[in-house]
Amino acid sequence: MPEVIIYMKQGCPYCRAAREHFQHLAVPFDEVDVQASAGAMERMVTASGGQRRVPVIVQGDRVTIGFEGGS
């Protein structure tokens, strides 16, 4: 299982940018659509400490809310 999980939703430009960033770096990741996966929103909210904004990127113990372009 990849160490990176991107919680996202369709049509989100920041989610797309995060996906492209990790693809460019050749970092394997799982992508979880919070609108299409049962229970995904709850898992994202738990992982992010209550945030409902996408993307939420989980890298091991590190959680990033939003995507600012790979900084």
N, C-alpha and C. Protein backbone atom coordinates (compact mmCIF):
# COMPACT_ATOMS: atom_id res chain seq x y z
N MET A 1 0.84 -1.19 0.00
CA MET A 1 0.00 0.00 0.00
C MET A 1 0.89 1.25 0.00
N PRO A 2 0.61 2.20 -0.88
CA PRO A 2 1.41 3.44 -0.91
C PRO A 2 1.32 4.20 0.41
N GLU A 3 2.39 4.91 0.73
CA GLU A 3 2.42 5.70 1.95
C GLU A 3 1.64 7.00 1.83
N VAL A 4 1.27 7.40 0.62
CA VAL A 4 0.57 8.66 0.39
C VAL A 4 -0.88 8.36 0.02
N ILE A 5 -1.78 9.06 0.69
CA ILE A 5 -3.21 8.98 0.36
C ILE A 5 -3.67 10.40 0.08
N ILE A 6 -4.33 10.58 -1.05
CA ILE A 6 -4.91 11.88 -1.40
C ILE A 6 -6.43 11.74 -1.34
N TYR A 7 -7.04 12.42 -0.36
CA TYR A 7 -8.49 12.49 -0.30
C TYR A 7 -8.89 13.66 -1.20
N MET A 8 -9.78 13.40 -2.16
CA MET A 8 -10.11 14.39 -3.17
C MET A 8 -11.57 14.28 -3.57
N LYS A 9 -11.98 15.19 -4.47
CA LYS A 9 -13.29 15.07 -5.11
C LYS A 9 -13.13 15.48 -6.57
N GLN A 10 -13.99 14.96 -7.40
CA GLN A 10 -13.95 15.25 -8.83
C GLN A 10 -14.17 16.73 -9.08
N GLY A 11 -13.43 17.28 -10.04
CA GLY A 11 -13.59 18.67 -10.44
C GLY A 11 -12.79 19.65 -9.62
N CYS A 12 -12.07 19.18 -8.62
CA CYS A 12 -11.28 20.06 -7.76
C CYS A 12 -9.91 20.31 -8.41
N PRO A 13 -9.59 21.55 -8.78
CA PRO A 13 -8.31 21.81 -9.44
C PRO A 13 -7.10 21.58 -8.53
N TYR A 14 -7.27 21.79 -7.22
CA TYR A 14 -6.16 21.57 -6.29
C TYR A 14 -5.89 20.07 -6.12
N CYS A 15 -6.96 19.29 -6.16
CA CYS A 15 -6.82 17.83 -6.11
C CYS A 15 -6.07 17.33 -7.35
N ARG A 16 -6.45 17.85 -8.50
CA ARG A 16 -5.78 17.48 -9.75
C ARG A 16 -4.31 17.86 -9.71
N ALA A 17 -4.01 19.06 -9.20
CA ALA A 17 -2.61 19.50 -9.11
C ALA A 17 -1.81 18.62 -8.16
N ALA A 18 -2.42 18.21 -7.05
CA ALA A 18 -1.73 17.32 -6.11
C ALA A 18 -1.45 15.98 -6.77
N ARG A 19 -2.42 15.43 -7.48
CA ARG A 19 -2.25 14.16 -8.19
C ARG A 19 -1.10 14.27 -9.20
N GLU A 20 -1.10 15.33 -9.99
CA GLU A 20 -0.06 15.52 -11.00
C GLU A 20 1.32 15.70 -10.36
N HIS A 21 1.37 16.37 -9.22
CA HIS A 21 2.63 16.56 -8.50
C HIS A 21 3.24 15.23 -8.10
N PHE A 22 2.44 14.37 -7.47
CA PHE A 22 2.96 13.07 -7.03
C PHE A 22 3.27 12.16 -8.22
N GLN A 23 2.50 12.25 -9.29
CA GLN A 23 2.80 11.48 -10.50
C GLN A 23 4.14 11.94 -11.08
N HIS A 24 4.37 13.25 -11.14
CA HIS A 24 5.62 13.80 -11.66
C HIS A 24 6.82 13.31 -10.85
N LEU A 25 6.65 13.22 -9.54
CA LEU A 25 7.73 12.74 -8.67
C LEU A 25 7.85 11.22 -8.64
N ALA A 26 6.94 10.54 -9.33
CA ALA A 26 6.88 9.07 -9.35
C ALA A 26 6.70 8.49 -7.96
N VAL A 27 5.91 9.19 -7.14
CA VAL A 27 5.59 8.72 -5.79
C VAL A 27 4.25 7.99 -5.88
N PRO A 28 4.22 6.72 -5.49
CA PRO A 28 2.95 6.00 -5.54
C PRO A 28 1.97 6.56 -4.50
N PHE A 29 0.70 6.61 -4.86
CA PHE A 29 -0.30 7.14 -3.94
C PHE A 29 -1.63 6.46 -4.21
N ASP A 30 -2.46 6.48 -3.19
CA ASP A 30 -3.85 6.06 -3.34
C ASP A 30 -4.69 7.33 -3.40
N GLU A 31 -5.65 7.33 -4.28
CA GLU A 31 -6.55 8.47 -4.44
C GLU A 31 -7.93 8.03 -3.96
N VAL A 32 -8.51 8.78 -3.03
CA VAL A 32 -9.80 8.42 -2.46
C VAL A 32 -10.77 9.56 -2.73
N ASP A 33 -11.80 9.27 -3.52
CA ASP A 33 -12.84 10.27 -3.82
C ASP A 33 -13.83 10.28 -2.66
N VAL A 34 -13.87 11.39 -1.92
CA VAL A 34 -14.71 11.46 -0.73
C VAL A 34 -16.20 11.51 -1.07
N GLN A 35 -16.53 11.78 -2.32
CA GLN A 35 -17.94 11.81 -2.72
C GLN A 35 -18.41 10.45 -3.23
N ALA A 36 -17.48 9.61 -3.66
CA ALA A 36 -17.86 8.34 -4.28
C ALA A 36 -17.61 7.13 -3.40
N SER A 37 -16.78 7.27 -2.38
CA SER A 37 -16.43 6.14 -1.52
C SER A 37 -17.18 6.22 -0.20
N ALA A 38 -17.91 5.17 0.11
CA ALA A 38 -18.63 5.13 1.39
C ALA A 38 -17.63 5.21 2.54
N GLY A 39 -17.87 6.12 3.45
CA GLY A 39 -17.02 6.27 4.62
C GLY A 39 -15.76 7.08 4.41
N ALA A 40 -15.46 7.46 3.17
CA ALA A 40 -14.21 8.18 2.88
C ALA A 40 -14.20 9.57 3.52
N MET A 41 -15.32 10.27 3.49
CA MET A 41 -15.38 11.60 4.11
C MET A 41 -15.08 11.50 5.60
N GLU A 42 -15.66 10.52 6.27
CA GLU A 42 -15.42 10.35 7.70
C GLU A 42 -13.95 10.04 7.98
N ARG A 43 -13.34 9.19 7.16
CA ARG A 43 -11.91 8.87 7.34
C ARG A 43 -11.05 10.11 7.12
N MET A 44 -11.40 10.92 6.11
CA MET A 44 -10.65 12.15 5.85
C MET A 44 -10.78 13.13 7.01
N VAL A 45 -11.99 13.32 7.50
CA VAL A 45 -12.23 14.25 8.61
C VAL A 45 -11.46 13.79 9.84
N THR A 46 -11.44 12.51 10.11
CA THR A 46 -10.69 11.98 11.25
C THR A 46 -9.20 12.20 11.07
N ALA A 47 -8.68 11.90 9.89
CA ALA A 47 -7.24 12.03 9.62
C ALA A 47 -6.78 13.48 9.69
N SER A 48 -7.67 14.42 9.31
CA SER A 48 -7.29 15.82 9.21
C SER A 48 -7.65 16.63 10.45
N GLY A 49 -8.14 15.99 11.48
CA GLY A 49 -8.49 16.73 12.68
C GLY A 49 -9.75 17.55 12.55
N GLY A 50 -10.67 17.10 11.68
CA GLY A 50 -11.96 17.77 11.56
C GLY A 50 -12.16 18.61 10.31
N GLN A 51 -11.17 18.67 9.45
CA GLN A 51 -11.28 19.49 8.23
C GLN A 51 -12.12 18.78 7.18
N ARG A 52 -12.87 19.56 6.43
CA ARG A 52 -13.70 19.01 5.36
C ARG A 52 -13.27 19.53 3.99
N ARG A 53 -12.19 20.25 3.93
CA ARG A 53 -11.68 20.84 2.69
C ARG A 53 -10.76 19.83 1.99
N VAL A 54 -10.88 19.71 0.69
CA VAL A 54 -10.01 18.83 -0.09
C VAL A 54 -9.02 19.67 -0.89
N PRO A 55 -7.90 19.11 -1.27
CA PRO A 55 -7.45 17.78 -0.92
C PRO A 55 -6.87 17.72 0.49
N VAL A 56 -6.94 16.53 1.06
CA VAL A 56 -6.20 16.21 2.28
C VAL A 56 -5.20 15.14 1.87
N ILE A 57 -3.93 15.44 2.12
CA ILE A 57 -2.85 14.54 1.71
C ILE A 57 -2.23 13.95 2.97
N VAL A 58 -2.27 12.63 3.08
CA VAL A 58 -1.70 11.94 4.23
C VAL A 58 -0.44 11.23 3.76
N GLN A 59 0.69 11.61 4.36
CA GLN A 59 1.98 11.01 4.06
C GLN A 59 2.54 10.47 5.36
N GLY A 60 2.31 9.19 5.64
CA GLY A 60 2.74 8.63 6.91
C GLY A 60 2.01 9.33 8.04
N ASP A 61 2.75 9.99 8.94
CA ASP A 61 2.17 10.72 10.06
C ASP A 61 1.86 12.18 9.72
N ARG A 62 2.26 12.62 8.55
CA ARG A 62 2.08 14.03 8.15
C ARG A 62 0.78 14.19 7.37
N VAL A 63 0.00 15.20 7.77
CA VAL A 63 -1.27 15.49 7.09
C VAL A 63 -1.22 16.92 6.58
N THR A 64 -1.47 17.08 5.27
CA THR A 64 -1.49 18.41 4.65
C THR A 64 -2.90 18.67 4.15
N ILE A 65 -3.43 19.83 4.50
CA ILE A 65 -4.78 20.21 4.07
C ILE A 65 -4.62 21.25 2.97
N GLY A 66 -5.16 20.92 1.80
CA GLY A 66 -5.00 21.79 0.64
C GLY A 66 -3.72 21.46 -0.10
N PHE A 67 -3.53 22.11 -1.24
CA PHE A 67 -2.32 21.91 -2.04
C PHE A 67 -1.93 23.23 -2.63
N GLU A 68 -0.68 23.62 -2.37
CA GLU A 68 -0.17 24.92 -2.79
C GLU A 68 0.83 24.82 -3.93
N GLY A 69 0.91 23.69 -4.59
CA GLY A 69 1.79 23.60 -5.75
C GLY A 69 3.08 22.84 -5.51
N GLY A 70 3.13 22.03 -4.49
CA GLY A 70 4.28 21.16 -4.31
C GLY A 70 5.40 21.71 -3.47
N SER A 71 5.13 22.74 -2.68
CA SER A 71 6.18 23.32 -1.86
C SER A 71 6.54 22.46 -0.68
